Amino acid sequence: EKGQEYRLHISSMDLEHGFSLQPVNINLQVLPGYDFVAKIIPTTTGDFTIVCNEFCSLGHHTMVGKMIVK
């Protein structure tokens, strides 16, 4: 929900990955074995795209997601 505080726990079990939340331009490097915690407070509603922005393997192009803020 808009205005609520969230903590995103982002980690990798295999390779280095990237976490890109667009269009708000949040870009994080995700390293194997490390739990990265990102605190976010959405200020607008809508659908936001998540992609891996660090080439990681043959399936890299399929690493996508969506964050929905109401």
N, C-alpha and C. Protein backbone atom coordinates (compact mmCIF):
# COMPACT_ATOMS: atom_id res chain seq x y z
N GLU A 1 0.82 -1.19 0.00
CA GLU A 1 0.00 0.00 0.00
C GLU A 1 0.87 1.25 0.00
N LYS A 2 0.37 2.25 -0.67
CA LYS A 2 1.05 3.55 -0.72
C LYS A 2 1.22 4.09 0.69
N GLY A 3 2.41 4.59 1.01
CA GLY A 3 2.68 5.19 2.31
C GLY A 3 3.10 4.21 3.39
N GLN A 4 3.00 2.92 3.15
CA GLN A 4 3.41 1.91 4.13
C GLN A 4 4.90 1.61 3.96
N GLU A 5 5.57 1.30 5.04
CA GLU A 5 6.98 0.94 4.98
C GLU A 5 7.12 -0.57 4.79
N TYR A 6 7.99 -0.96 3.87
CA TYR A 6 8.26 -2.37 3.60
C TYR A 6 9.76 -2.60 3.61
N ARG A 7 10.14 -3.80 4.00
CA ARG A 7 11.54 -4.22 3.94
C ARG A 7 11.62 -5.39 2.97
N LEU A 8 12.32 -5.18 1.89
CA LEU A 8 12.50 -6.22 0.89
C LEU A 8 13.79 -6.97 1.21
N HIS A 9 13.69 -8.27 1.42
CA HIS A 9 14.86 -9.12 1.63
C HIS A 9 15.20 -9.74 0.29
N ILE A 10 16.35 -9.39 -0.25
CA ILE A 10 16.73 -9.82 -1.59
C ILE A 10 18.04 -10.60 -1.47
N SER A 11 18.03 -11.83 -2.00
CA SER A 11 19.24 -12.65 -1.91
C SER A 11 19.33 -13.56 -3.13
N SER A 12 20.49 -14.18 -3.28
CA SER A 12 20.75 -15.10 -4.37
C SER A 12 21.36 -16.37 -3.81
N MET A 13 20.95 -17.50 -4.35
CA MET A 13 21.52 -18.77 -3.92
C MET A 13 22.60 -19.27 -4.88
N ASP A 14 22.72 -18.66 -6.06
CA ASP A 14 23.62 -19.23 -7.05
C ASP A 14 24.65 -18.24 -7.60
N LEU A 15 24.21 -17.22 -8.29
CA LEU A 15 25.10 -16.30 -9.00
C LEU A 15 24.83 -14.86 -8.60
N GLU A 16 25.68 -13.96 -9.09
CA GLU A 16 25.42 -12.53 -8.91
C GLU A 16 24.25 -12.14 -9.81
N HIS A 17 23.31 -11.42 -9.24
CA HIS A 17 22.14 -10.95 -9.98
C HIS A 17 22.01 -9.45 -9.77
N GLY A 18 21.09 -8.86 -10.47
CA GLY A 18 20.74 -7.47 -10.27
C GLY A 18 19.27 -7.36 -9.96
N PHE A 19 18.89 -6.37 -9.18
CA PHE A 19 17.48 -6.11 -8.87
C PHE A 19 17.21 -4.68 -9.31
N SER A 20 16.35 -4.53 -10.30
CA SER A 20 16.02 -3.21 -10.81
C SER A 20 14.52 -3.02 -10.73
N LEU A 21 14.10 -2.00 -9.99
CA LEU A 21 12.67 -1.66 -9.84
C LEU A 21 12.42 -0.40 -10.65
N GLN A 22 11.64 -0.54 -11.70
CA GLN A 22 11.39 0.57 -12.63
C GLN A 22 9.92 0.97 -12.63
N PRO A 23 9.59 2.21 -12.77
CA PRO A 23 10.41 3.33 -13.21
C PRO A 23 11.02 4.15 -12.08
N VAL A 24 11.07 3.64 -10.86
CA VAL A 24 11.60 4.46 -9.76
C VAL A 24 13.13 4.42 -9.68
N ASN A 25 13.76 3.64 -10.55
CA ASN A 25 15.22 3.61 -10.67
C ASN A 25 15.92 3.15 -9.40
N ILE A 26 15.42 2.06 -8.81
CA ILE A 26 16.13 1.40 -7.72
C ILE A 26 16.92 0.26 -8.34
N ASN A 27 18.23 0.29 -8.19
CA ASN A 27 19.11 -0.74 -8.76
C ASN A 27 20.02 -1.27 -7.67
N LEU A 28 19.96 -2.59 -7.45
CA LEU A 28 20.75 -3.21 -6.40
C LEU A 28 21.55 -4.37 -6.97
N GLN A 29 22.73 -4.58 -6.42
CA GLN A 29 23.55 -5.73 -6.79
C GLN A 29 23.25 -6.82 -5.77
N VAL A 30 22.90 -8.02 -6.25
CA VAL A 30 22.53 -9.13 -5.38
C VAL A 30 23.63 -10.19 -5.46
N LEU A 31 24.30 -10.41 -4.33
CA LEU A 31 25.42 -11.34 -4.28
C LEU A 31 25.02 -12.64 -3.59
N PRO A 32 25.56 -13.77 -4.05
CA PRO A 32 25.24 -15.06 -3.43
C PRO A 32 25.58 -15.09 -1.94
N GLY A 33 24.67 -15.64 -1.15
CA GLY A 33 24.91 -15.81 0.28
C GLY A 33 24.73 -14.56 1.12
N TYR A 34 24.31 -13.47 0.53
CA TYR A 34 24.15 -12.21 1.25
C TYR A 34 22.69 -11.80 1.23
N ASP A 35 22.13 -11.47 2.40
CA ASP A 35 20.74 -11.02 2.50
C ASP A 35 20.73 -9.50 2.49
N PHE A 36 20.36 -8.90 1.36
CA PHE A 36 20.30 -7.45 1.24
C PHE A 36 18.89 -7.01 1.65
N VAL A 37 18.79 -6.08 2.57
CA VAL A 37 17.49 -5.58 3.02
C VAL A 37 17.34 -4.14 2.54
N ALA A 38 16.32 -3.92 1.73
CA ALA A 38 16.04 -2.58 1.21
C ALA A 38 14.72 -2.09 1.82
N LYS A 39 14.78 -0.96 2.49
CA LYS A 39 13.57 -0.37 3.06
C LYS A 39 12.97 0.57 2.03
N ILE A 40 11.70 0.35 1.69
CA ILE A 40 11.02 1.23 0.74
C ILE A 40 9.69 1.69 1.31
N ILE A 41 9.30 2.89 0.92
CA ILE A 41 7.99 3.44 1.25
C ILE A 41 7.40 3.96 -0.06
N PRO A 42 6.50 3.19 -0.69
CA PRO A 42 5.93 3.63 -1.96
C PRO A 42 5.18 4.96 -1.82
N THR A 43 5.43 5.86 -2.75
CA THR A 43 4.78 7.17 -2.71
C THR A 43 3.72 7.33 -3.81
N THR A 44 3.66 6.36 -4.72
CA THR A 44 2.64 6.39 -5.77
C THR A 44 2.07 4.99 -5.96
N THR A 45 0.87 4.94 -6.49
CA THR A 45 0.24 3.66 -6.77
C THR A 45 0.56 3.24 -8.20
N GLY A 46 0.37 1.95 -8.48
CA GLY A 46 0.57 1.46 -9.84
C GLY A 46 1.31 0.15 -9.88
N ASP A 47 1.61 -0.29 -11.09
CA ASP A 47 2.37 -1.52 -11.32
C ASP A 47 3.81 -1.14 -11.65
N PHE A 48 4.75 -1.77 -10.97
CA PHE A 48 6.16 -1.48 -11.15
C PHE A 48 6.88 -2.76 -11.60
N THR A 49 7.77 -2.63 -12.55
CA THR A 49 8.46 -3.76 -13.13
C THR A 49 9.76 -4.05 -12.39
N ILE A 50 10.02 -5.34 -12.14
CA ILE A 50 11.27 -5.79 -11.53
C ILE A 50 11.99 -6.65 -12.56
N VAL A 51 13.26 -6.34 -12.81
CA VAL A 51 14.06 -7.15 -13.73
C VAL A 51 15.44 -7.39 -13.12
N CYS A 52 16.06 -8.48 -13.55
CA CYS A 52 17.46 -8.73 -13.23
C CYS A 52 18.27 -7.93 -14.24
N ASN A 53 19.08 -7.01 -13.76
CA ASN A 53 19.85 -6.16 -14.68
C ASN A 53 21.34 -6.50 -14.70
N GLU A 54 21.67 -7.71 -14.25
CA GLU A 54 23.05 -8.20 -14.28
C GLU A 54 23.01 -9.56 -14.98
N PHE A 55 23.68 -9.66 -16.14
CA PHE A 55 23.62 -10.93 -16.87
C PHE A 55 24.12 -12.04 -15.97
N CYS A 56 23.30 -13.09 -15.81
CA CYS A 56 23.61 -14.14 -14.83
C CYS A 56 23.64 -15.55 -15.41
N SER A 57 22.90 -15.81 -16.47
CA SER A 57 22.87 -17.16 -17.05
C SER A 57 22.01 -17.14 -18.31
N LEU A 58 21.80 -18.33 -18.87
CA LEU A 58 20.97 -18.43 -20.07
C LEU A 58 19.53 -17.98 -19.82
N GLY A 59 19.03 -18.14 -18.60
CA GLY A 59 17.66 -17.75 -18.28
C GLY A 59 17.51 -16.31 -17.83
N HIS A 60 18.56 -15.52 -17.97
CA HIS A 60 18.56 -14.13 -17.51
C HIS A 60 17.34 -13.35 -18.01
N HIS A 61 17.03 -13.48 -19.28
CA HIS A 61 15.93 -12.70 -19.87
C HIS A 61 14.56 -13.06 -19.30
N THR A 62 14.44 -14.16 -18.56
CA THR A 62 13.15 -14.55 -17.99
C THR A 62 13.00 -14.10 -16.54
N MET A 63 14.02 -13.47 -15.99
CA MET A 63 13.99 -13.06 -14.58
C MET A 63 13.31 -11.70 -14.46
N VAL A 64 12.00 -11.75 -14.40
CA VAL A 64 11.19 -10.54 -14.30
C VAL A 64 10.13 -10.72 -13.22
N GLY A 65 9.63 -9.62 -12.74
CA GLY A 65 8.57 -9.65 -11.74
C GLY A 65 7.79 -8.35 -11.76
N LYS A 66 6.84 -8.25 -10.85
CA LYS A 66 6.00 -7.07 -10.79
C LYS A 66 5.69 -6.76 -9.32
N MET A 67 5.71 -5.48 -8.99
CA MET A 67 5.28 -5.01 -7.67
C MET A 67 4.05 -4.15 -7.90
N ILE A 68 2.98 -4.47 -7.19
CA ILE A 68 1.73 -3.73 -7.32
C ILE A 68 1.50 -2.92 -6.06
N VAL A 69 1.38 -1.62 -6.21
CA VAL A 69 1.14 -0.72 -5.08
C VAL A 69 -0.28 -0.17 -5.21
N LYS A 70 -1.06 -0.37 -4.17
CA LYS A 70 -2.46 0.13 -4.17
C LYS A 70 -2.60 1.31 -3.25
